[in-house]
PDB file of N, CA and C in Angstrom:
ATOM      1  N   MET A   1     -62.162 -72.041 -86.280  1.00  0.00           N
ATOM      2  CA  MET A   1     -60.749 -71.914 -86.006  1.00  0.00           C
ATOM      3  C   MET A   1     -60.034 -71.785 -87.359  1.00  0.00           C
ATOM      4  N   ASN A   2     -59.230 -70.733 -87.457  1.00  0.00           N
ATOM      5  CA  ASN A   2     -58.548 -70.523 -88.722  1.00  0.00           C
ATOM      6  C   ASN A   2     -57.136 -71.109 -88.689  1.00  0.00           C
ATOM      7  N   THR A   3     -56.425 -70.987 -89.770  1.00  0.00           N
ATOM      8  CA  THR A   3     -55.119 -71.610 -89.929  1.00  0.00           C
ATOM      9  C   THR A   3     -54.085 -71.036 -88.964  1.00  0.00           C
ATOM     10  N   THR A   4     -54.127 -69.755 -88.708  1.00  0.00           N
ATOM     11  CA  THR A   4     -53.140 -69.158 -87.794  1.00  0.00           C
ATOM     12  C   THR A   4     -53.344 -69.638 -86.363  1.00  0.00           C
ATOM     13  N   GLU A   5     -54.586 -69.821 -85.947  1.00  0.00           N
ATOM     14  CA  GLU A   5     -54.855 -70.344 -84.608  1.00  0.00           C
ATOM     15  C   GLU A   5     -54.387 -71.791 -84.490  1.00  0.00           C
ATOM     16  N   LYS A   6     -54.621 -72.587 -85.515  1.00  0.00           N
ATOM     17  CA  LYS A   6     -54.153 -73.976 -85.514  1.00  0.00           C
ATOM     18  C   LYS A   6     -52.632 -74.028 -85.445  1.00  0.00           C
ATOM     19  N   LYS A   7     -51.974 -73.151 -86.197  1.00  0.00           N
ATOM     20  CA  LYS A   7     -50.506 -73.114 -86.195  1.00  0.00           C
ATOM     21  C   LYS A   7     -49.983 -72.727 -84.818  1.00  0.00           C
ATOM     22  N   ALA A   8     -50.654 -71.798 -84.155  1.00  0.00           N
ATOM     23  CA  ALA A   8     -50.240 -71.378 -82.814  1.00  0.00           C
ATOM     24  C   ALA A   8     -50.384 -72.531 -81.822  1.00  0.00           C
ATOM     25  N   ILE A   9     -51.442 -73.278 -81.937  1.00  0.00           N
ATOM     26  CA  ILE A   9     -51.648 -74.428 -81.042  1.00  0.00           C
ATOM     27  C   ILE A   9     -50.574 -75.481 -81.271  1.00  0.00           C
ATOM     28  N   VAL A  10     -50.287 -75.774 -82.532  1.00  0.00           N
ATOM     29  CA  VAL A  10     -49.253 -76.758 -82.853  1.00  0.00           C
ATOM     30  C   VAL A  10     -47.900 -76.286 -82.339  1.00  0.00           C
ATOM     31  N   ASP A  11     -47.604 -75.000 -82.488  1.00  0.00           N
ATOM     32  CA  ASP A  11     -46.330 -74.470 -81.985  1.00  0.00           C
ATOM     33  C   ASP A  11     -46.231 -74.598 -80.471  1.00  0.00           C
ATOM     34  N   ASN A  12     -47.325 -74.339 -79.774  1.00  0.00           N
ATOM     35  CA  ASN A  12     -47.330 -74.490 -78.313  1.00  0.00           C
ATOM     36  C   ASN A  12     -47.091 -75.942 -77.911  1.00  0.00           C
ATOM     37  N   ILE A  13     -47.727 -76.853 -78.628  1.00  0.00           N
ATOM     38  CA  ILE A  13     -47.545 -78.277 -78.337  1.00  0.00           C
ATOM     39  C   ILE A  13     -46.097 -78.678 -78.567  1.00  0.00           C
ATOM     40  N   LEU A  14     -45.516 -78.205 -79.666  1.00  0.00           N
ATOM     41  CA  LEU A  14     -44.117 -78.520 -79.957  1.00  0.00           C
ATOM     42  C   LEU A  14     -43.181 -77.982 -78.876  1.00  0.00           C
ATOM     43  N   GLU A  15     -43.428 -76.773 -78.413  1.00  0.00           N
ATOM     44  CA  GLU A  15     -42.600 -76.201 -77.344  1.00  0.00           C
ATOM     45  C   GLU A  15     -42.707 -77.032 -76.069  1.00  0.00           C
ATOM     46  N   LEU A  16     -43.917 -77.469 -75.732  1.00  0.00           N
ATOM     47  CA  LEU A  16     -44.100 -78.295 -74.546  1.00  0.00           C
ATOM     48  C   LEU A  16     -43.391 -79.640 -74.690  1.00  0.00           C
ATOM     49  N   LEU A  17     -43.461 -80.232 -75.871  1.00  0.00           N
ATOM     50  CA  LEU A  17     -42.772 -81.501 -76.107  1.00  0.00           C
ATOM     51  C   LEU A  17     -41.264 -81.338 -76.001  1.00  0.00           C
ATOM     52  N   ILE A  18     -40.750 -80.254 -76.515  1.00  0.00           N
ATOM     53  CA  ILE A  18     -39.308 -79.995 -76.413  1.00  0.00           C
ATOM     54  C   ILE A  18     -38.903 -79.824 -74.959  1.00  0.00           C
ATOM     55  N   GLN A  19     -39.704 -79.114 -74.190  1.00  0.00           N
ATOM     56  CA  GLN A  19     -39.406 -78.946 -72.764  1.00  0.00           C
ATOM     57  C   GLN A  19     -39.418 -80.284 -72.041  1.00  0.00           C
ATOM     58  N   LEU A  20     -40.379 -81.122 -72.371  1.00  0.00           N
ATOM     59  CA  LEU A  20     -40.461 -82.429 -71.723  1.00  0.00           C
ATOM     60  C   LEU A  20     -39.252 -83.291 -72.053  1.00  0.00           C
ATOM     61  N   THR A  21     -38.827 -83.279 -73.297  1.00  0.00           N
ATOM     62  CA  THR A  21     -37.677 -84.101 -73.667  1.00  0.00           C
ATOM     63  C   THR A  21     -36.399 -83.558 -73.062  1.00  0.00           C
ATOM     64  N   GLU A  22     -36.264 -82.243 -72.950  1.00  0.00           N
ATOM     65  CA  GLU A  22     -35.076 -81.669 -72.315  1.00  0.00           C
ATOM     66  C   GLU A  22     -35.052 -81.974 -70.831  1.00  0.00           C
ATOM     67  N   ASP A  23     -36.211 -81.914 -70.183  1.00  0.00           N
ATOM     68  CA  ASP A  23     -36.289 -82.247 -68.763  1.00  0.00           C
ATOM     69  C   ASP A  23     -35.948 -83.711 -68.546  1.00  0.00           C
ATOM     70  N   GLY A  24     -36.368 -84.566 -69.453  1.00  0.00           N
ATOM     71  CA  GLY A  24     -36.089 -85.991 -69.342  1.00  0.00           C
ATOM     72  C   GLY A  24     -34.611 -86.295 -69.481  1.00  0.00           C
ATOM     73  N   GLU A  25     -33.878 -85.511 -70.289  1.00  0.00           N
ATOM     74  CA  GLU A  25     -32.448 -85.737 -70.469  1.00  0.00           C
ATOM     75  C   GLU A  25     -31.670 -85.336 -69.227  1.00  0.00           C
ATOM     76  N   ASN A  26     -32.134 -84.330 -68.521  1.00  0.00           N
ATOM     77  CA  ASN A  26     -31.404 -83.837 -67.350  1.00  0.00           C
ATOM     78  C   ASN A  26     -31.699 -84.651 -66.100  1.00  0.00           C
ATOM     79  N   SER A  27     -32.817 -85.350 -66.095  1.00  0.00           N
ATOM     80  CA  SER A  27     -33.158 -86.123 -64.904  1.00  0.00           C
ATOM     81  C   SER A  27     -32.337 -87.400 -64.867  1.00  0.00           C
ATOM     82  N   ALA A  28     -32.269 -87.984 -63.695  1.00  0.00           N
ATOM     83  CA  ALA A  28     -31.504 -89.219 -63.531  1.00  0.00           C
ATOM     84  C   ALA A  28     -32.197 -90.350 -64.282  1.00  0.00           C
ATOM     85  N   PRO A  29     -31.422 -91.196 -64.931  1.00  0.00           N
ATOM     86  CA  PRO A  29     -32.044 -92.303 -65.663  1.00  0.00           C
ATOM     87  C   PRO A  29     -32.695 -93.285 -64.703  1.00  0.00           C
ATOM     88  N   GLN A  30     -33.787 -93.849 -65.142  1.00  0.00           N
ATOM     89  CA  GLN A  30     -34.480 -94.817 -64.310  1.00  0.00           C
ATOM     90  C   GLN A  30     -33.737 -96.141 -64.363  1.00  0.00           C
ATOM     91  N   THR A  31     -33.575 -96.728 -63.199  1.00  0.00           N
ATOM     92  CA  THR A  31     -32.895 -98.012 -63.160  1.00  0.00           C
ATOM     93  C   THR A  31     -33.927 -99.116 -63.282  1.00  0.00           C
ATOM     94  N   THR A  32     -33.564-100.133 -63.984  1.00  0.00           N
ATOM     95  CA  THR A  32     -34.438-101.283 -64.121  1.00  0.00           C
ATOM     96  C   THR A  32     -33.744-102.486 -63.534  1.00  0.00           C
ATOM     97  N   LYS A  33     -34.525-103.432 -63.126  1.00  0.00           N
ATOM     98  CA  LYS A  33     -33.956-104.644 -62.558  1.00  0.00           C
ATOM     99  C   LYS A  33     -33.237-105.426 -63.642  1.00  0.00           C
ATOM    100  N   ALA A  34     -32.092-105.916 -63.287  1.00  0.00           N
ATOM    101  CA  ALA A  34     -31.373-106.773 -64.215  1.00  0.00           C
ATOM    102  C   ALA A  34     -32.085-108.117 -64.287  1.00  0.00           C
ATOM    103  N   PRO A  35     -32.117-108.717 -65.446  1.00  0.00           N
ATOM    104  CA  PRO A  35     -32.789-110.018 -65.523  1.00  0.00           C
ATOM    105  C   PRO A  35     -32.073-111.044 -64.668  1.00  0.00           C
ATOM    106  N   THR A  36     -32.860-111.834 -63.991  1.00  0.00           N
ATOM    107  CA  THR A  36     -32.269-112.835 -63.112  1.00  0.00           C
ATOM    108  C   THR A  36     -31.747-113.994 -63.944  1.00  0.00           C
ATOM    109  N   THR A  37     -30.699-114.597 -63.459  1.00  0.00           N
ATOM    110  CA  THR A  37     -30.120-115.726 -64.169  1.00  0.00           C
ATOM    111  C   THR A  37     -30.648-117.040 -63.626  1.00  0.00           C
ATOM    112  N   ASP A  38     -31.560-116.975 -62.661  1.00  0.00           N
ATOM    113  CA  ASP A  38     -32.150-118.195 -62.119  1.00  0.00           C
ATOM    114  C   ASP A  38     -33.022-118.837 -63.180  1.00  0.00           C
ATOM    115  N   LYS A  39     -32.739-120.093 -63.441  1.00  0.00           N
ATOM    116  CA  LYS A  39     -33.534-120.811 -64.427  1.00  0.00           C
ATOM    117  C   LYS A  39     -34.695-121.495 -63.734  1.00  0.00           C
ATOM    118  N   VAL A  40     -35.809-121.500 -64.404  1.00  0.00           N
ATOM    119  CA  VAL A  40     -36.986-122.187 -63.889  1.00  0.00           C
ATOM    120  C   VAL A  40     -36.890-123.630 -64.346  1.00  0.00           C
ATOM    121  N   GLU A  41     -36.968-124.539 -63.396  1.00  0.00           N
ATOM    122  CA  GLU A  41     -36.898-125.954 -63.727  1.00  0.00           C
ATOM    123  C   GLU A  41     -38.287-126.553 -63.567  1.00  0.00           C
ATOM    124  N   MET A  42     -38.806-127.061 -64.665  1.00  0.00           N
ATOM    125  CA  MET A  42     -40.128-127.664 -64.663  1.00  0.00           C
ATOM    126  C   MET A  42     -39.986-129.175 -64.595  1.00  0.00           C
ATOM    127  N   LEU A  43     -40.841-129.807 -63.797  1.00  0.00           N
ATOM    128  CA  LEU A  43     -40.801-131.252 -63.598  1.00  0.00           C
ATOM    129  C   LEU A  43     -42.116-131.871 -64.054  1.00  0.00           C
ATOM    130  N   THR A  44     -42.035-133.089 -64.534  1.00  0.00           N
ATOM    131  CA  THR A  44     -43.244-133.834 -64.845  1.00  0.00           C
ATOM    132  C   THR A  44     -43.829-134.372 -63.541  1.00  0.00           C
ATOM    133  N   ILE A  45     -44.996-134.966 -63.632  1.00  0.00           N
ATOM    134  CA  ILE A  45     -45.630-135.556 -62.449  1.00  0.00           C
ATOM    135  C   ILE A  45     -44.729-136.634 -61.853  1.00  0.00           C
ATOM    136  N   LYS A  46     -44.186-137.471 -62.701  1.00  0.00           N
ATOM    137  CA  LYS A  46     -43.335-138.568 -62.248  1.00  0.00           C
ATOM    138  C   LYS A  46     -42.061-138.030 -61.581  1.00  0.00           C
ATOM    139  N   GLU A  47     -41.448-137.016 -62.174  1.00  0.00           N
ATOM    140  CA  GLU A  47     -40.230-136.438 -61.605  1.00  0.00           C
ATOM    141  C   GLU A  47     -40.509-135.747 -60.276  1.00  0.00           C
ATOM    142  N   SER A  48     -41.635-135.061 -60.179  1.00  0.00           N
ATOM    143  CA  SER A  48     -41.956-134.368 -58.928  1.00  0.00           C
ATOM    144  C   SER A  48     -42.297-135.363 -57.820  1.00  0.00           C
ATOM    145  N   ALA A  49     -42.883-136.505 -58.167  1.00  0.00           N
ATOM    146  CA  ALA A  49     -43.169-137.537 -57.166  1.00  0.00           C
ATOM    147  C   ALA A  49     -41.870-138.173 -56.686  1.00  0.00           C
ATOM    148  N   ALA A  50     -40.902-138.346 -57.576  1.00  0.00           N
ATOM    149  CA  ALA A  50     -39.620-138.933 -57.200  1.00  0.00           C
ATOM    150  C   ALA A  50     -38.770-137.966 -56.392  1.00  0.00           C
ATOM    151  N   LEU A  51     -39.057-136.686 -56.497  1.00  0.00           N
ATOM    152  CA  LEU A  51     -38.278-135.667 -55.795  1.00  0.00           C
ATOM    153  C   LEU A  51     -38.445-135.776 -54.284  1.00  0.00           C
ATOM    154  N   ILE A  52     -39.643-136.097 -53.832  1.00  0.00           N
ATOM    155  CA  ILE A  52     -39.937-136.189 -52.409  1.00  0.00           C
ATOM    156  C   ILE A  52     -40.300-137.641 -52.092  1.00  0.00           C
ATOM    157  N   SER A  53     -39.551-138.224 -51.211  1.00  0.00           N
ATOM    158  CA  SER A  53     -39.847-139.622 -50.869  1.00  0.00           C
ATOM    159  C   SER A  53     -41.180-139.695 -50.131  1.00  0.00           C
ATOM    160  N   GLY A  54     -41.958-140.712 -50.450  1.00  0.00           N
ATOM    161  CA  GLY A  54     -43.265-140.879 -49.819  1.00  0.00           C
ATOM    162  C   GLY A  54     -44.376-140.174 -50.562  1.00  0.00           C
ATOM    163  N   LEU A  55     -44.062-139.447 -51.637  1.00  0.00           N
ATOM    164  CA  LEU A  55     -45.078-138.741 -52.411  1.00  0.00           C
ATOM    165  C   LEU A  55     -45.345-139.538 -53.682  1.00  0.00           C
ATOM    166  N   SER A  56     -46.587-139.902 -53.906  1.00  0.00           N
ATOM    167  CA  SER A  56     -46.916-140.702 -55.086  1.00  0.00           C
ATOM    168  C   SER A  56     -47.354-139.795 -56.231  1.00  0.00           C
ATOM    169  N   GLU A  57     -47.353-140.370 -57.422  1.00  0.00           N
ATOM    170  CA  GLU A  57     -47.825-139.630 -58.592  1.00  0.00           C
ATOM    171  C   GLU A  57     -49.294-139.270 -58.422  1.00  0.00           C
ATOM    172  N   HIS A  58     -50.049-140.161 -57.838  1.00  0.00           N
ATOM    173  CA  HIS A  58     -51.470-139.914 -57.610  1.00  0.00           C
ATOM    174  C   HIS A  58     -51.678-138.682 -56.724  1.00  0.00           C
ATOM    175  N   THR A  59     -50.856-138.571 -55.687  1.00  0.00           N
ATOM    176  CA  THR A  59     -50.975-137.428 -54.777  1.00  0.00           C
ATOM    177  C   THR A  59     -50.653-136.127 -55.504  1.00  0.00           C
ATOM    178  N   VAL A  60     -49.611-136.154 -56.327  1.00  0.00           N
ATOM    179  CA  VAL A  60     -49.248-134.949 -57.081  1.00  0.00           C
ATOM    180  C   VAL A  60     -50.376-134.583 -58.032  1.00  0.00           C
ATOM    181  N   ARG A  61     -50.957-135.567 -58.691  1.00  0.00           N
ATOM    182  CA  ARG A  61     -52.075-135.294 -59.597  1.00  0.00           C
ATOM    183  C   ARG A  61     -53.277-134.706 -58.846  1.00  0.00           C
ATOM    184  N   GLN A  62     -53.531-135.198 -57.643  1.00  0.00           N
ATOM    185  CA  GLN A  62     -54.629-134.647 -56.844  1.00  0.00           C
ATOM    186  C   GLN A  62     -54.335-133.204 -56.433  1.00  0.00           C
ATOM    187  N   LEU A  63     -53.093-132.924 -56.059  1.00  0.00           N
ATOM    188  CA  LEU A  63     -52.728-131.558 -55.694  1.00  0.00           C
ATOM    189  C   LEU A  63     -52.900-130.616 -56.876  1.00  0.00           C
ATOM    190  N   VAL A  64     -52.553-131.096 -58.058  1.00  0.00           N
ATOM    191  CA  VAL A  64     -52.726-130.293 -59.269  1.00  0.00           C
ATOM    192  C   VAL A  64     -54.219-130.083 -59.545  1.00  0.00           C
ATOM    193  N   ALA A  65     -55.011-131.136 -59.427  1.00  0.00           N
ATOM    194  CA  ALA A  65     -56.447-131.045 -59.686  1.00  0.00           C
ATOM    195  C   ALA A  65     -57.138-130.098 -58.712  1.00  0.00           C
ATOM    196  N   GLN A  66     -56.631-130.031 -57.481  1.00  0.00           N
ATOM    197  CA  GLN A  66     -57.211-129.152 -56.462  1.00  0.00           C
ATOM    198  C   GLN A  66     -56.624-127.750 -56.517  1.00  0.00           C
ATOM    199  N   ASN A  67     -55.746-127.482 -57.490  1.00  0.00           N
ATOM    200  CA  ASN A  67     -55.073-126.184 -57.661  1.00  0.00           C
ATOM    201  C   ASN A  67     -54.269-125.783 -56.431  1.00  0.00           C
ATOM    202  N   LYS A  68     -53.711-126.748 -55.731  1.00  0.00           N
ATOM    203  CA  LYS A  68     -52.853-126.461 -54.590  1.00  0.00           C
ATOM    204  C   LYS A  68     -51.408-126.288 -55.039  1.00  0.00           C
ATOM    205  N   ILE A  69     -51.117-126.722 -56.251  1.00  0.00           N
ATOM    206  CA  ILE A  69     -49.795-126.559 -56.850  1.00  0.00           C
ATOM    207  C   ILE A  69     -50.005-125.896 -58.206  1.00  0.00           C
ATOM    208  N   LYS A  70     -49.202-124.881 -58.495  1.00  0.00           N
ATOM    209  CA  LYS A  70     -49.272-124.241 -59.804  1.00  0.00           C
ATOM    210  C   LYS A  70     -48.699-125.184 -60.840  1.00  0.00           C
ATOM    211  N   TYR A  71     -49.316-125.213 -62.001  1.00  0.00           N
ATOM    212  CA  TYR A  71     -48.864-126.120 -63.046  1.00  0.00           C
ATOM    213  C   TYR A  71     -49.119-125.507 -64.413  1.00  0.00           C
ATOM    214  N   ILE A  72     -48.495-126.112 -65.400  1.00  0.00           N
ATOM    215  CA  ILE A  72     -48.706-125.740 -66.796  1.00  0.00           C
ATOM    216  C   ILE A  72     -49.018-127.017 -67.549  1.00  0.00           C
ATOM    217  N   ARG A  73     -50.025-126.966 -68.376  1.00  0.00           N
ATOM    218  CA  ARG A  73     -50.342-128.126 -69.207  1.00  0.00           C
ATOM    219  C   ARG A  73     -49.857-127.825 -70.619  1.00  0.00           C
ATOM    220  N   THR A  74     -48.938-128.646 -71.099  1.00  0.00           N
ATOM    221  CA  THR A  74     -48.448-128.496 -72.460  1.00  0.00           C
ATOM    222  C   THR A  74     -49.275-129.388 -73.359  1.00  0.00           C
ATOM    223  N   GLY A  75     -49.533-128.954 -74.539  1.00  0.00           N
ATOM    224  CA  GLY A  75     -50.375-129.738 -75.441  1.00  0.00           C
ATOM    225  C   GLY A  75     -51.842-129.477 -75.163  1.00  0.00           C
ATOM    226  N   GLU A  76     -52.667-130.217 -75.849  1.00  0.00           N
ATOM    227  CA  GLU A  76     -54.110-130.013 -75.726  1.00  0.00           C
ATOM    228  C   GLU A  76     -54.790-131.246 -75.155  1.00  0.00           C
ATOM    229  N   GLY A  77     -55.834-131.028 -74.413  1.00  0.00           N
ATOM    230  CA  GLY A  77     -56.659-132.113 -73.907  1.00  0.00           C
ATOM    231  C   GLY A  77     -55.955-132.996 -72.891  1.00  0.00           C
ATOM    232  N   ILE A  78     -56.418-134.230 -72.798  1.00  0.00           N
ATOM    233  CA  ILE A  78     -55.870-135.152 -71.799  1.00  0.00           C
ATOM    234  C   ILE A  78     -54.481-135.649 -72.176  1.00  0.00           C
ATOM    235  N   ARG A  79     -54.090-135.472 -73.421  1.00  0.00           N
ATOM    236  CA  ARG A  79     -52.761-135.889 -73.860  1.00  0.00           C
ATOM    237  C   ARG A  79     -51.687-134.870 -73.487  1.00  0.00           C
ATOM    238  N   GLY A  80     -52.096-133.711 -73.015  1.00  0.00           N
ATOM    239  CA  GLY A  80     -51.131-132.682 -72.628  1.00  0.00           C
ATOM    240  C   GLY A  80     -50.363-133.084 -71.381  1.00  0.00           C
ATOM    241  N   LYS A  81     -49.092-132.769 -71.372  1.00  0.00           N
ATOM    242  CA  LYS A  81     -48.243-133.110 -70.239  1.00  0.00           C
ATOM    243  C   LYS A  81     -48.357-132.022 -69.174  1.00  0.00           C
ATOM    244  N   ILE A  82     -48.452-132.419 -67.925  1.00  0.00           N
ATOM    245  CA  ILE A  82     -48.533-131.478 -66.812  1.00  0.00           C
ATOM    246  C   ILE A  82     -47.129-131.246 -66.284  1.00  0.00           C
ATOM    247  N   LEU A  83     -46.734-129.980 -66.233  1.00  0.00           N
ATOM    248  CA  LEU A  83     -45.423-129.608 -65.719  1.00  0.00           C
ATOM    249  C   LEU A  83     -45.595-128.744 -64.480  1.00  0.00           C
ATOM    250  N   VAL A  84     -44.765-129.027 -63.466  1.00  0.00           N
ATOM    251  CA  VAL A  84     -44.833-128.330 -62.187  1.00  0.00           C
ATOM    252  C   VAL A  84     -43.483-127.674 -61.943  1.00  0.00           C
ATOM    253  N   ASN A  85     -43.491-126.466 -61.418  1.00  0.00           N
ATOM    254  CA  ASN A  85     -42.258-125.759 -61.109  1.00  0.00           C
ATOM    255  C   ASN A  85     -41.597-126.421 -59.893  1.00  0.00           C
ATOM    256  N   LYS A  86     -40.314-126.683 -60.008  1.00  0.00           N
ATOM    257  CA  LYS A  86     -39.572-127.334 -58.917  1.00  0.00           C
ATOM    258  C   LYS A  86     -39.552-126.443 -57.663  1.00  0.00           C
ATOM    259  N   ALA A  87     -39.572-125.137 -57.865  1.00  0.00           N
ATOM    260  CA  ALA A  87     -39.533-124.201 -56.741  1.00  0.00           C
ATOM    261  C   ALA A  87     -40.797-124.310 -55.873  1.00  0.00           C
ATOM    262  N   ASP A  88     -41.883-124.827 -56.439  1.00  0.00           N
ATOM    263  CA  ASP A  88     -43.107-124.999 -55.650  1.00  0.00           C
ATOM    264  C   ASP A  88     -42.948-126.113 -54.622  1.00  0.00           C
ATOM    265  N   PHE A  89     -42.045-127.042 -54.861  1.00  0.00           N
ATOM    266  CA  PHE A  89     -41.784-128.112 -53.905  1.00  0.00           C
ATOM    267  C   PHE A  89     -40.674-127.720 -52.919  1.00  0.00           C
ATOM    268  N   TYR A  90     -39.659-127.052 -53.439  1.00  0.00           N
ATOM    269  CA  TYR A  90     -38.552-126.590 -52.600  1.00  0.00           C
ATOM    270  C   TYR A  90     -38.393-125.094 -52.780  1.00  0.00           C
ATOM    271  N   PRO A  91     -38.979-124.281 -51.915  1.00  0.00           N
ATOM    272  CA  PRO A  91     -38.896-122.817 -52.073  1.00  0.00           C
ATOM    273  C   PRO A  91     -37.506-122.281 -51.809  1.00  0.00           C
TER     274      PRO A  91
END
């Protein structure tokens, strides 16, 4: 492939890119979802047990251990605090 053939290929690519960008300007802009203002409230084991009467901390810990409730562990190892989303208790 010589230099003139390479130049022709590059010119074709440039023309196609220009067409694509012009087509993109004329098309309707894509709408995106606005960020929600709902804040996620995370509760500790103790707070989540106090949220529902009759629910003990032990029960919440068992639910977490059985992966029946989504949780996040902050920190490392057994010293990490377990946080549970409040929405998981009250949808």
